[in-house]
Amino acid sequence: SGRTFSIKAIGWYRQAPGKQRELVAEISRDSSTNYADSVKG
């Protein structure tokens, strides 16, 4: 919500205990997607 028109890409990161935050998946305004190798499929 809010200034959603300004969003270029939106998605999900995750952080497990003792680990760095990592990208899980994201989708861009043009609908292209990007996934971490560990979650593909």
PDB file of all heavy atoms in Angstrom:
ATOM      1  N   SER A   1       0.853  -1.191   0.000  1.00  0.00           N
ATOM      2  CA  SER A   1       0.000   0.000   0.000  1.00  0.00           C
ATOM      3  C   SER A   1       0.882   1.232   0.000  1.00  0.00           C
ATOM      4  O   SER A   1       2.092   1.161   0.230  1.00  0.00           O
ATOM      5  CB  SER A   1      -0.939  -0.013   1.215  1.00  0.00           C
ATOM      6  OG  SER A   1      -0.195  -0.025   2.416  1.00  0.00           O
ATOM      7  N   GLY A   2       0.254   2.379  -0.257  1.00  0.00           N
ATOM      8  CA  GLY A   2       1.007   3.616  -0.332  1.00  0.00           C
ATOM      9  C   GLY A   2       1.373   3.923  -1.772  1.00  0.00           C
ATOM     10  O   GLY A   2       0.557   3.757  -2.667  1.00  0.00           O
ATOM     11  N   ARG A   3       2.618   4.325  -2.004  1.00  0.00           N
ATOM     12  CA  ARG A   3       3.070   4.716  -3.332  1.00  0.00           C
ATOM     13  C   ARG A   3       3.470   3.502  -4.156  1.00  0.00           C
ATOM     14  O   ARG A   3       4.607   3.364  -4.620  1.00  0.00           O
ATOM     15  CB  ARG A   3       4.233   5.684  -3.213  1.00  0.00           C
ATOM     16  CG  ARG A   3       3.861   6.979  -2.498  1.00  0.00           C
ATOM     17  CD  ARG A   3       5.071   7.854  -2.209  1.00  0.00           C
ATOM     18  NE  ARG A   3       5.742   8.311  -3.404  1.00  0.00           N
ATOM     19  CZ  ARG A   3       5.434   9.422  -4.060  1.00  0.00           C
ATOM     20  NH1 ARG A   3       4.445  10.188  -3.629  1.00  0.00           N
ATOM     21  NH2 ARG A   3       6.113   9.769  -5.140  1.00  0.00           N
ATOM     22  N   THR A   4       2.512   2.613  -4.371  1.00  0.00           N
ATOM     23  CA  THR A   4       2.810   1.339  -5.049  1.00  0.00           C
ATOM     24  C   THR A   4       3.192   1.545  -6.509  1.00  0.00           C
ATOM     25  O   THR A   4       3.864   0.696  -7.091  1.00  0.00           O
ATOM     26  CB  THR A   4       1.616   0.385  -4.949  1.00  0.00           C
ATOM     27  OG1 THR A   4       0.470   1.018  -5.508  1.00  0.00           O
ATOM     28  CG2 THR A   4       1.332  -0.009  -3.503  1.00  0.00           C
ATOM     29  N   PHE A   5       2.810   2.672  -7.092  1.00  0.00           N
ATOM     30  CA  PHE A   5       3.166   2.951  -8.488  1.00  0.00           C
ATOM     31  C   PHE A   5       4.669   3.108  -8.653  1.00  0.00           C
ATOM     32  O   PHE A   5       5.208   2.989  -9.751  1.00  0.00           O
ATOM     33  CB  PHE A   5       2.474   4.221  -8.978  1.00  0.00           C
ATOM     34  CG  PHE A   5       2.865   5.455  -8.227  1.00  0.00           C
ATOM     35  CD1 PHE A   5       3.973   6.194  -8.617  1.00  0.00           C
ATOM     36  CD2 PHE A   5       2.154   5.878  -7.116  1.00  0.00           C
ATOM     37  CE1 PHE A   5       4.358   7.339  -7.927  1.00  0.00           C
ATOM     38  CE2 PHE A   5       2.525   7.005  -6.422  1.00  0.00           C
ATOM     39  CZ  PHE A   5       3.633   7.743  -6.817  1.00  0.00           C
ATOM     40  N   SER A   6       5.370   3.354  -7.561  1.00  0.00           N
ATOM     41  CA  SER A   6       6.820   3.563  -7.627  1.00  0.00           C
ATOM     42  C   SER A   6       7.626   2.264  -7.520  1.00  0.00           C
ATOM     43  O   SER A   6       8.850   2.277  -7.653  1.00  0.00           O
ATOM     44  CB  SER A   6       7.260   4.502  -6.501  1.00  0.00           C
ATOM     45  OG  SER A   6       7.052   3.894  -5.230  1.00  0.00           O
ATOM     46  N   ILE A   7       6.944   1.155  -7.325  1.00  0.00           N
ATOM     47  CA  ILE A   7       7.645  -0.116  -7.141  1.00  0.00           C
ATOM     48  C   ILE A   7       8.183  -0.638  -8.470  1.00  0.00           C
ATOM     49  O   ILE A   7       7.430  -0.805  -9.416  1.00  0.00           O
ATOM     50  CB  ILE A   7       6.728  -1.164  -6.495  1.00  0.00           C
ATOM     51  CG1 ILE A   7       6.338  -0.723  -5.081  1.00  0.00           C
ATOM     52  CG2 ILE A   7       7.411  -2.531  -6.456  1.00  0.00           C
ATOM     53  CD1 ILE A   7       5.310  -1.617  -4.423  1.00  0.00           C
ATOM     54  N   LYS A   8       9.470  -0.932  -8.513  1.00  0.00           N
ATOM     55  CA  LYS A   8      10.091  -1.502  -9.703  1.00  0.00           C
ATOM     56  C   LYS A   8      10.065  -3.024  -9.665  1.00  0.00           C
ATOM     57  O   LYS A   8       9.918  -3.680 -10.688  1.00  0.00           O
ATOM     58  CB  LYS A   8      11.541  -1.044  -9.813  1.00  0.00           C
ATOM     59  CG  LYS A   8      11.747   0.433 -10.057  1.00  0.00           C
ATOM     60  CD  LYS A   8      13.212   0.801  -9.930  1.00  0.00           C
ATOM     61  CE  LYS A   8      14.134  -0.080 -10.716  1.00  0.00           C
ATOM     62  NZ  LYS A   8      15.559   0.263 -10.533  1.00  0.00           N
ATOM     63  N   ALA A   9      10.254  -3.564  -8.489  1.00  0.00           N
ATOM     64  CA  ALA A   9      10.245  -5.009  -8.310  1.00  0.00           C
ATOM     65  C   ALA A   9       9.807  -5.314  -6.895  1.00  0.00           C
ATOM     66  O   ALA A   9      10.068  -4.536  -5.969  1.00  0.00           O
ATOM     67  CB  ALA A   9      11.618  -5.620  -8.574  1.00  0.00           C
ATOM     68  N   ILE A  10       9.166  -6.452  -6.727  1.00  0.00           N
ATOM     69  CA  ILE A  10       8.683  -6.855  -5.403  1.00  0.00           C
ATOM     70  C   ILE A  10       8.863  -8.347  -5.277  1.00  0.00           C
ATOM     71  O   ILE A  10       8.733  -9.086  -6.259  1.00  0.00           O
ATOM     72  CB  ILE A  10       7.215  -6.423  -5.200  1.00  0.00           C
ATOM     73  CG1 ILE A  10       6.770  -6.670  -3.758  1.00  0.00           C
ATOM     74  CG2 ILE A  10       6.303  -7.065  -6.219  1.00  0.00           C
ATOM     75  CD1 ILE A  10       5.438  -5.989  -3.426  1.00  0.00           C
ATOM     76  N   GLY A  11       9.185  -8.795  -4.077  1.00  0.00           N
ATOM     77  CA  GLY A  11       9.400 -10.220  -3.915  1.00  0.00           C
ATOM     78  C   GLY A  11       9.652 -10.604  -2.477  1.00  0.00           C
ATOM     79  O   GLY A  11       9.223  -9.913  -1.547  1.00  0.00           O
ATOM     80  N   TRP A  12      10.367 -11.712  -2.323  1.00  0.00           N
ATOM     81  CA  TRP A  12      10.556 -12.310  -1.013  1.00  0.00           C
ATOM     82  C   TRP A  12      12.032 -12.637  -0.765  1.00  0.00           C
ATOM     83  O   TRP A  12      12.724 -13.151  -1.654  1.00  0.00           O
ATOM     84  CB  TRP A  12       9.758 -13.606  -0.905  1.00  0.00           C
ATOM     85  CG  TRP A  12       8.285 -13.390  -1.017  1.00  0.00           C
ATOM     86  CD1 TRP A  12       7.535 -13.374  -2.153  1.00  0.00           C
ATOM     87  CD2 TRP A  12       7.389 -13.132   0.058  1.00  0.00           C
ATOM     88  NE1 TRP A  12       6.227 -13.120  -1.851  1.00  0.00           N
ATOM     89  CE2 TRP A  12       6.102 -12.974  -0.503  1.00  0.00           C
ATOM     90  CE3 TRP A  12       7.541 -13.035   1.437  1.00  0.00           C
ATOM     91  CZ2 TRP A  12       4.971 -12.708   0.283  1.00  0.00           C
ATOM     92  CZ3 TRP A  12       6.430 -12.786   2.214  1.00  0.00           C
ATOM     93  CH2 TRP A  12       5.161 -12.622   1.633  1.00  0.00           C
ATOM     94  N   TYR A  13      12.466 -12.318   0.429  1.00  0.00           N
ATOM     95  CA  TYR A  13      13.749 -12.749   0.950  1.00  0.00           C
ATOM     96  C   TYR A  13      13.463 -13.636   2.166  1.00  0.00           C
ATOM     97  O   TYR A  13      12.363 -13.620   2.706  1.00  0.00           O
ATOM     98  CB  TYR A  13      14.603 -11.561   1.383  1.00  0.00           C
ATOM     99  CG  TYR A  13      15.281 -10.821   0.262  1.00  0.00           C
ATOM    100  CD1 TYR A  13      14.555 -10.074  -0.659  1.00  0.00           C
ATOM    101  CD2 TYR A  13      16.669 -10.845   0.123  1.00  0.00           C
ATOM    102  CE1 TYR A  13      15.193  -9.390  -1.688  1.00  0.00           C
ATOM    103  CE2 TYR A  13      17.312 -10.160  -0.890  1.00  0.00           C
ATOM    104  CZ  TYR A  13      16.567  -9.439  -1.784  1.00  0.00           C
ATOM    105  OH  TYR A  13      17.202  -8.760  -2.795  1.00  0.00           O
ATOM    106  N   ARG A  14      14.466 -14.379   2.582  1.00  0.00           N
ATOM    107  CA  ARG A  14      14.331 -15.150   3.809  1.00  0.00           C
ATOM    108  C   ARG A  14      15.638 -15.136   4.587  1.00  0.00           C
ATOM    109  O   ARG A  14      16.714 -14.956   4.022  1.00  0.00           O
ATOM    110  CB  ARG A  14      13.918 -16.596   3.510  1.00  0.00           C
ATOM    111  CG  ARG A  14      14.966 -17.426   2.794  1.00  0.00           C
ATOM    112  CD  ARG A  14      14.380 -18.793   2.426  1.00  0.00           C
ATOM    113  NE  ARG A  14      15.357 -19.633   1.729  1.00  0.00           N
ATOM    114  CZ  ARG A  14      15.067 -20.798   1.178  1.00  0.00           C
ATOM    115  NH1 ARG A  14      13.821 -21.283   1.226  1.00  0.00           N
ATOM    116  NH2 ARG A  14      16.015 -21.498   0.567  1.00  0.00           N
ATOM    117  N   GLN A  15      15.502 -15.341   5.892  1.00  0.00           N
ATOM    118  CA  GLN A  15      16.666 -15.390   6.761  1.00  0.00           C
ATOM    119  C   GLN A  15      16.474 -16.492   7.779  1.00  0.00           C
ATOM    120  O   GLN A  15      15.538 -16.449   8.587  1.00  0.00           O
ATOM    121  CB  GLN A  15      16.885 -14.046   7.465  1.00  0.00           C
ATOM    122  CG  GLN A  15      18.191 -13.989   8.235  1.00  0.00           C
ATOM    123  CD  GLN A  15      18.564 -12.574   8.633  1.00  0.00           C
ATOM    124  OE1 GLN A  15      17.715 -11.682   8.648  1.00  0.00           O
ATOM    125  NE2 GLN A  15      19.834 -12.357   8.918  1.00  0.00           N
ATOM    126  N   ALA A  16      17.358 -17.469   7.718  1.00  0.00           N
ATOM    127  CA  ALA A  16      17.356 -18.560   8.681  1.00  0.00           C
ATOM    128  C   ALA A  16      18.290 -18.197   9.839  1.00  0.00           C
ATOM    129  O   ALA A  16      19.189 -17.364   9.670  1.00  0.00           O
ATOM    130  CB  ALA A  16      17.821 -19.854   8.019  1.00  0.00           C
ATOM    131  N   PRO A  17      18.102 -18.801  10.992  1.00  0.00           N
ATOM    132  CA  PRO A  17      18.957 -18.482  12.147  1.00  0.00           C
ATOM    133  C   PRO A  17      20.428 -18.683  11.826  1.00  0.00           C
ATOM    134  O   PRO A  17      20.825 -19.718  11.286  1.00  0.00           O
ATOM    135  CB  PRO A  17      18.487 -19.483  13.203  1.00  0.00           C
ATOM    136  CG  PRO A  17      17.081 -19.781  12.838  1.00  0.00           C
ATOM    137  CD  PRO A  17      17.038 -19.748  11.345  1.00  0.00           C
ATOM    138  N   GLY A  18      21.229 -17.661  12.114  1.00  0.00           N
ATOM    139  CA  GLY A  18      22.658 -17.746  11.896  1.00  0.00           C
ATOM    140  C   GLY A  18      23.102 -17.580  10.462  1.00  0.00           C
ATOM    141  O   GLY A  18      24.291 -17.733  10.167  1.00  0.00           O
ATOM    142  N   LYS A  19      22.161 -17.267   9.573  1.00  0.00           N
ATOM    143  CA  LYS A  19      22.508 -17.117   8.158  1.00  0.00           C
ATOM    144  C   LYS A  19      22.146 -15.726   7.660  1.00  0.00           C
ATOM    145  O   LYS A  19      21.344 -15.027   8.268  1.00  0.00           O
ATOM    146  CB  LYS A  19      21.797 -18.176   7.324  1.00  0.00           C
ATOM    147  CG  LYS A  19      22.240 -19.600   7.630  1.00  0.00           C
ATOM    148  CD  LYS A  19      21.654 -20.578   6.638  1.00  0.00           C
ATOM    149  CE  LYS A  19      22.159 -21.989   6.885  1.00  0.00           C
ATOM    150  NZ  LYS A  19      21.607 -22.954   5.889  1.00  0.00           N
ATOM    151  N   GLN A  20      22.742 -15.367   6.521  1.00  0.00           N
ATOM    152  CA  GLN A  20      22.433 -14.078   5.929  1.00  0.00           C
ATOM    153  C   GLN A  20      21.072 -14.119   5.238  1.00  0.00           C
ATOM    154  O   GLN A  20      20.608 -15.170   4.804  1.00  0.00           O
ATOM    155  CB  GLN A  20      23.521 -13.711   4.909  1.00  0.00           C
ATOM    156  CG  GLN A  20      24.854 -13.341   5.527  1.00  0.00           C
ATOM    157  CD  GLN A  20      25.827 -12.791   4.504  1.00  0.00           C
ATOM    158  OE1 GLN A  20      25.785 -13.158   3.330  1.00  0.00           O
ATOM    159  NE2 GLN A  20      26.711 -11.904   4.932  1.00  0.00           N
ATOM    160  N   ARG A  21      20.484 -12.941   5.124  1.00  0.00           N
ATOM    161  CA  ARG A  21      19.229 -12.844   4.387  1.00  0.00           C
ATOM    162  C   ARG A  21      19.516 -13.091   2.906  1.00  0.00           C
ATOM    163  O   ARG A  21      20.499 -12.581   2.364  1.00  0.00           O
ATOM    164  CB  ARG A  21      18.618 -11.463   4.603  1.00  0.00           C
ATOM    165  CG  ARG A  21      17.180 -11.334   4.161  1.00  0.00           C
ATOM    166  CD  ARG A  21      16.589 -10.016   4.595  1.00  0.00           C
ATOM    167  NE  ARG A  21      16.501  -9.909   6.049  1.00  0.00           N
ATOM    168  CZ  ARG A  21      15.848  -8.918   6.672  1.00  0.00           C
ATOM    169  NH1 ARG A  21      15.243  -7.979   5.957  1.00  0.00           N
ATOM    170  NH2 ARG A  21      15.825  -8.875   7.997  1.00  0.00           N
ATOM    171  N   GLU A  22      18.655 -13.877   2.263  1.00  0.00           N
ATOM    172  CA  GLU A  22      18.872 -14.220   0.869  1.00  0.00           C
ATOM    173  C   GLU A  22      17.605 -14.035   0.050  1.00  0.00           C
ATOM    174  O   GLU A  22      16.485 -14.188   0.564  1.00  0.00           O
ATOM    175  CB  GLU A  22      19.342 -15.675   0.741  1.00  0.00           C
ATOM    176  CG  GLU A  22      18.357 -16.701   1.242  1.00  0.00           C
ATOM    177  CD  GLU A  22      18.792 -18.131   0.997  1.00  0.00           C
ATOM    178  OE1 GLU A  22      19.888 -18.350   0.457  1.00  0.00           O
ATOM    179  OE2 GLU A  22      18.018 -19.047   1.359  1.00  0.00           O
ATOM    180  N   LEU A  23      17.796 -13.737  -1.226  1.00  0.00           N
ATOM    181  CA  LEU A  23      16.682 -13.602  -2.141  1.00  0.00           C
ATOM    182  C   LEU A  23      16.049 -14.966  -2.376  1.00  0.00           C
ATOM    183  O   LEU A  23      16.750 -15.949  -2.610  1.00  0.00           O
ATOM    184  CB  LEU A  23      17.142 -13.016  -3.471  1.00  0.00           C
ATOM    185  CG  LEU A  23      16.092 -12.980  -4.574  1.00  0.00           C
ATOM    186  CD1 LEU A  23      15.014 -11.969  -4.260  1.00  0.00           C
ATOM    187  CD2 LEU A  23      16.746 -12.666  -5.920  1.00  0.00           C
ATOM    188  N   VAL A  24      14.718 -15.008  -2.323  1.00  0.00           N
ATOM    189  CA  VAL A  24      13.984 -16.225  -2.658  1.00  0.00           C
ATOM    190  C   VAL A  24      13.409 -16.094  -4.061  1.00  0.00           C
ATOM    191  O   VAL A  24      13.650 -16.935  -4.928  1.00  0.00           O
ATOM    192  CB  VAL A  24      12.857 -16.490  -1.640  1.00  0.00           C
ATOM    193  CG1 VAL A  24      12.056 -17.720  -2.045  1.00  0.00           C
ATOM    194  CG2 VAL A  24      13.417 -16.634  -0.234  1.00  0.00           C
ATOM    195  N   ALA A  25      12.636 -15.042  -4.289  1.00  0.00           N
ATOM    196  CA  ALA A  25      12.017 -14.828  -5.593  1.00  0.00           C
ATOM    197  C   ALA A  25      11.567 -13.382  -5.673  1.00  0.00           C
ATOM    198  O   ALA A  25      11.227 -12.772  -4.655  1.00  0.00           O
ATOM    199  CB  ALA A  25      10.822 -15.758  -5.794  1.00  0.00           C
ATOM    200  N   GLU A  26      11.565 -12.857  -6.878  1.00  0.00           N
ATOM    201  CA  GLU A  26      11.055 -11.514  -7.093  1.00  0.00           C
ATOM    202  C   GLU A  26      10.427 -11.412  -8.467  1.00  0.00           C
ATOM    203  O   GLU A  26      10.747 -12.191  -9.373  1.00  0.00           O
ATOM    204  CB  GLU A  26      12.149 -10.465  -6.932  1.00  0.00           C
ATOM    205  CG  GLU A  26      13.240 -10.516  -7.963  1.00  0.00           C
ATOM    206  CD  GLU A  26      14.289  -9.433  -7.747  1.00  0.00           C
ATOM    207  OE1 GLU A  26      14.164  -8.632  -6.814  1.00  0.00           O
ATOM    208  OE2 GLU A  26      15.256  -9.403  -8.539  1.00  0.00           O
ATOM    209  N   ILE A  27       9.521 -10.438  -8.598  1.00  0.00           N
ATOM    210  CA  ILE A  27       8.851 -10.200  -9.864  1.00  0.00           C
ATOM    211  C   ILE A  27       8.937  -8.712 -10.167  1.00  0.00           C
ATOM    212  O   ILE A  27       8.707  -7.877  -9.294  1.00  0.00           O
ATOM    213  CB  ILE A  27       7.386 -10.713  -9.818  1.00  0.00           C
ATOM    214  CG1 ILE A  27       6.715 -10.565 -11.183  1.00  0.00           C
ATOM    215  CG2 ILE A  27       6.593 -10.043  -8.712  1.00  0.00           C
ATOM    216  CD1 ILE A  27       5.410 -11.347 -11.290  1.00  0.00           C
ATOM    217  N   SER A  28       9.293  -8.406 -11.400  1.00  0.00           N
ATOM    218  CA  SER A  28       9.468  -7.009 -11.790  1.00  0.00           C
ATOM    219  C   SER A  28       8.184  -6.448 -12.376  1.00  0.00           C
ATOM    220  O   SER A  28       7.230  -7.184 -12.642  1.00  0.00           O
ATOM    221  CB  SER A  28      10.603  -6.899 -12.815  1.00  0.00           C
ATOM    222  OG  SER A  28      11.811  -7.350 -12.265  1.00  0.00           O
ATOM    223  N   ARG A  29       8.188  -5.139 -12.602  1.00  0.00           N
ATOM    224  CA  ARG A  29       7.005  -4.487 -13.150  1.00  0.00           C
ATOM    225  C   ARG A  29       6.645  -5.061 -14.516  1.00  0.00           C
ATOM    226  O   ARG A  29       5.465  -5.127 -14.854  1.00  0.00           O
ATOM    227  CB  ARG A  29       7.240  -2.992 -13.223  1.00  0.00           C
ATOM    228  CG  ARG A  29       6.076  -2.190 -13.746  1.00  0.00           C
ATOM    229  CD  ARG A  29       6.259  -0.710 -13.490  1.00  0.00           C
ATOM    230  NE  ARG A  29       6.188  -0.386 -12.082  1.00  0.00           N
ATOM    231  CZ  ARG A  29       5.053  -0.202 -11.419  1.00  0.00           C
ATOM    232  NH1 ARG A  29       3.891  -0.335 -12.024  1.00  0.00           N
ATOM    233  NH2 ARG A  29       5.083   0.109 -10.124  1.00  0.00           N
ATOM    234  N   ASP A  30       7.668  -5.512 -15.270  1.00  0.00           N
ATOM    235  CA  ASP A  30       7.385  -6.097 -16.580  1.00  0.00           C
ATOM    236  C   ASP A  30       7.049  -7.586 -16.491  1.00  0.00           C
ATOM    237  O   ASP A  30       7.006  -8.275 -17.503  1.00  0.00           O
ATOM    238  CB  ASP A  30       8.581  -5.901 -17.527  1.00  0.00           C
ATOM    239  CG  ASP A  30       9.829  -6.637 -17.057  1.00  0.00           C
ATOM    240  OD1 ASP A  30       9.798  -7.313 -16.013  1.00  0.00           O
ATOM    241  OD2 ASP A  30      10.862  -6.528 -17.757  1.00  0.00           O
ATOM    242  N   SER A  31       6.854  -8.087 -15.266  1.00  0.00           N
ATOM    243  CA  SER A  31       6.454  -9.469 -14.979  1.00  0.00           C
ATOM    244  C   SER A  31       7.576 -10.488 -15.126  1.00  0.00           C
ATOM    245  O   SER A  31       7.323 -11.694 -15.023  1.00  0.00           O
ATOM    246  CB  SER A  31       5.256  -9.907 -15.828  1.00  0.00           C
ATOM    247  OG  SER A  31       4.131  -9.103 -15.550  1.00  0.00           O
ATOM    248  N   SER A  32       8.782 -10.040 -15.353  1.00  0.00           N
ATOM    249  CA  SER A  32       9.890 -10.997 -15.352  1.00  0.00           C
ATOM    250  C   SER A  32      10.144 -11.454 -13.922  1.00  0.00           C
ATOM    251  O   SER A  32       9.922 -10.698 -12.968  1.00  0.00           O
ATOM    252  CB  SER A  32      11.147 -10.372 -15.937  1.00  0.00           C
ATOM    253  OG  SER A  32      11.537  -9.243 -15.186  1.00  0.00           O
ATOM    254  N   THR A  33      10.578 -12.687 -13.767  1.00  0.00           N
ATOM    255  CA  THR A  33      10.772 -13.273 -12.437  1.00  0.00           C
ATOM    256  C   THR A  33      12.207 -13.750 -12.257  1.00  0.00           C
ATOM    257  O   THR A  33      12.915 -14.039 -13.217  1.00  0.00           O
ATOM    258  CB  THR A  33       9.821 -14.444 -12.197  1.00  0.00           C
ATOM    259  OG1 THR A  33      10.013 -15.428 -13.227  1.00  0.00           O
ATOM    260  CG2 THR A  33       8.371 -13.988 -12.199  1.00  0.00           C
ATOM    261  N   ASN A  34      12.587 -13.843 -11.023  1.00  0.00           N
ATOM    262  CA  ASN A  34      13.923 -14.302 -10.666  1.00  0.00           C
ATOM    263  C   ASN A  34      13.792 -15.167  -9.423  1.00  0.00           C
ATOM    264  O   ASN A  34      13.122 -14.764  -8.465  1.00  0.00           O
ATOM    265  CB  ASN A  34      14.830 -13.095 -10.390  1.00  0.00           C
ATOM    266  CG  ASN A  34      16.256 -13.499 -10.072  1.00  0.00           C
ATOM    267  OD1 ASN A  34      16.756 -14.478 -10.593  1.00  0.00           O
ATOM    268  ND2 ASN A  34      16.908 -12.728  -9.212  1.00  0.00           N
ATOM    269  N   TYR A  35      14.405 -16.343  -9.442  1.00  0.00           N
ATOM    270  CA  TYR A  35      14.313 -17.278  -8.322  1.00  0.00           C
ATOM    271  C   TYR A  35      15.701 -17.702  -7.850  1.00  0.00           C
ATOM    272  O   TYR A  35      16.629 -17.839  -8.653  1.00  0.00           O
ATOM    273  CB  TYR A  35      13.565 -18.549  -8.739  1.00  0.00           C
ATOM    274  CG  TYR A  35      12.109 -18.368  -9.039  1.00  0.00           C
ATOM    275  CD1 TYR A  35      11.669 -18.123 -10.332  1.00  0.00           C
ATOM    276  CD2 TYR A  35      11.153 -18.472  -8.028  1.00  0.00           C
ATOM    277  CE1 TYR A  35      10.323 -17.959 -10.615  1.00  0.00           C
ATOM    278  CE2 TYR A  35       9.804 -18.324  -8.297  1.00  0.00           C
ATOM    279  CZ  TYR A  35       9.395 -18.073  -9.598  1.00  0.00           C
ATOM    280  OH  TYR A  35       8.054 -17.926  -9.863  1.00  0.00           O
ATOM    281  N   ALA A  36      15.806 -17.966  -6.572  1.00  0.00           N
ATOM    282  CA  ALA A  36      17.012 -18.603  -6.064  1.00  0.00           C
ATOM    283  C   ALA A  36      17.071 -20.025  -6.607  1.00  0.00           C
ATOM    284  O   ALA A  36      16.028 -20.682  -6.757  1.00  0.00           O
ATOM    285  CB  ALA A  36      16.987 -18.634  -4.534  1.00  0.00           C
ATOM    286  N   ASP A  37      18.264 -20.513  -6.886  1.00  0.00           N
ATOM    287  CA  ASP A  37      18.400 -21.869  -7.421  1.00  0.00           C
ATOM    288  C   ASP A  37      17.771 -22.908  -6.501  1.00  0.00           C
ATOM    289  O   ASP A  37      17.212 -23.907  -6.956  1.00  0.00           O
ATOM    290  CB  ASP A  37      19.883 -22.205  -7.635  1.00  0.00           C
ATOM    291  CG  ASP A  37      20.485 -21.447  -8.809  1.00  0.00           C
ATOM    292  OD1 ASP A  37      19.717 -20.936  -9.655  1.00  0.00           O
ATOM    293  OD2 ASP A  37      21.727 -21.370  -8.880  1.00  0.00           O
ATOM    294  N   SER A  38      17.835 -22.655  -5.215  1.00  0.00           N
ATOM    295  CA  SER A  38      17.368 -23.644  -4.236  1.00  0.00           C
ATOM    296  C   SER A  38      15.851 -23.818  -4.238  1.00  0.00           C
ATOM    297  O   SER A  38      15.338 -24.805  -3.685  1.00  0.00           O
ATOM    298  CB  SER A  38      17.830 -23.255  -2.835  1.00  0.00           C
ATOM    299  OG  SER A  38      17.320 -21.980  -2.486  1.00  0.00           O
ATOM    300  N   VAL A  39      15.124 -22.884  -4.856  1.00  0.00           N
ATOM    301  CA  VAL A  39      13.659 -22.981  -4.839  1.00  0.00           C
ATOM    302  C   VAL A  39      13.062 -23.165  -6.226  1.00  0.00           C
ATOM    303  O   VAL A  39      11.847 -23.340  -6.353  1.00  0.00           O
ATOM    304  CB  VAL A  39      13.022 -21.753  -4.152  1.00  0.00           C
ATOM    305  CG1 VAL A  39      13.633 -21.542  -2.769  1.00  0.00           C
ATOM    306  CG2 VAL A  39      13.147 -20.497  -5.003  1.00  0.00           C
ATOM    307  N   LYS A  40      13.889 -23.113  -7.257  1.00  0.00           N
ATOM    308  CA  LYS A  40      13.374 -23.266  -8.628  1.00  0.00           C
ATOM    309  C   LYS A  40      12.654 -24.606  -8.774  1.00  0.00           C
ATOM    310  O   LYS A  40      13.145 -25.639  -8.341  1.00  0.00           O
ATOM    311  CB  LYS A  40      14.528 -23.171  -9.627  1.00  0.00           C
ATOM    312  CG  LYS A  40      15.027 -21.765  -9.852  1.00  0.00           C
ATOM    313  CD  LYS A  40      16.168 -21.739 -10.868  1.00  0.00           C
ATOM    314  CE  LYS A  40      16.682 -20.322 -11.084  1.00  0.00           C
ATOM    315  NZ  LYS A  40      17.837 -20.280 -12.012  1.00  0.00           N
ATOM    316  N   GLY A  41      11.485 -24.548  -9.399  1.00  0.00           N
ATOM    317  CA  GLY A  41      10.692 -25.754  -9.595  1.00  0.00           C
ATOM    318  C   GLY A  41       9.786 -26.085  -8.426  1.00  0.00           C
ATOM    319  O   GLY A  41       8.916 -26.947  -8.541  1.00  0.00           O
TER     320      GLY A  41
END
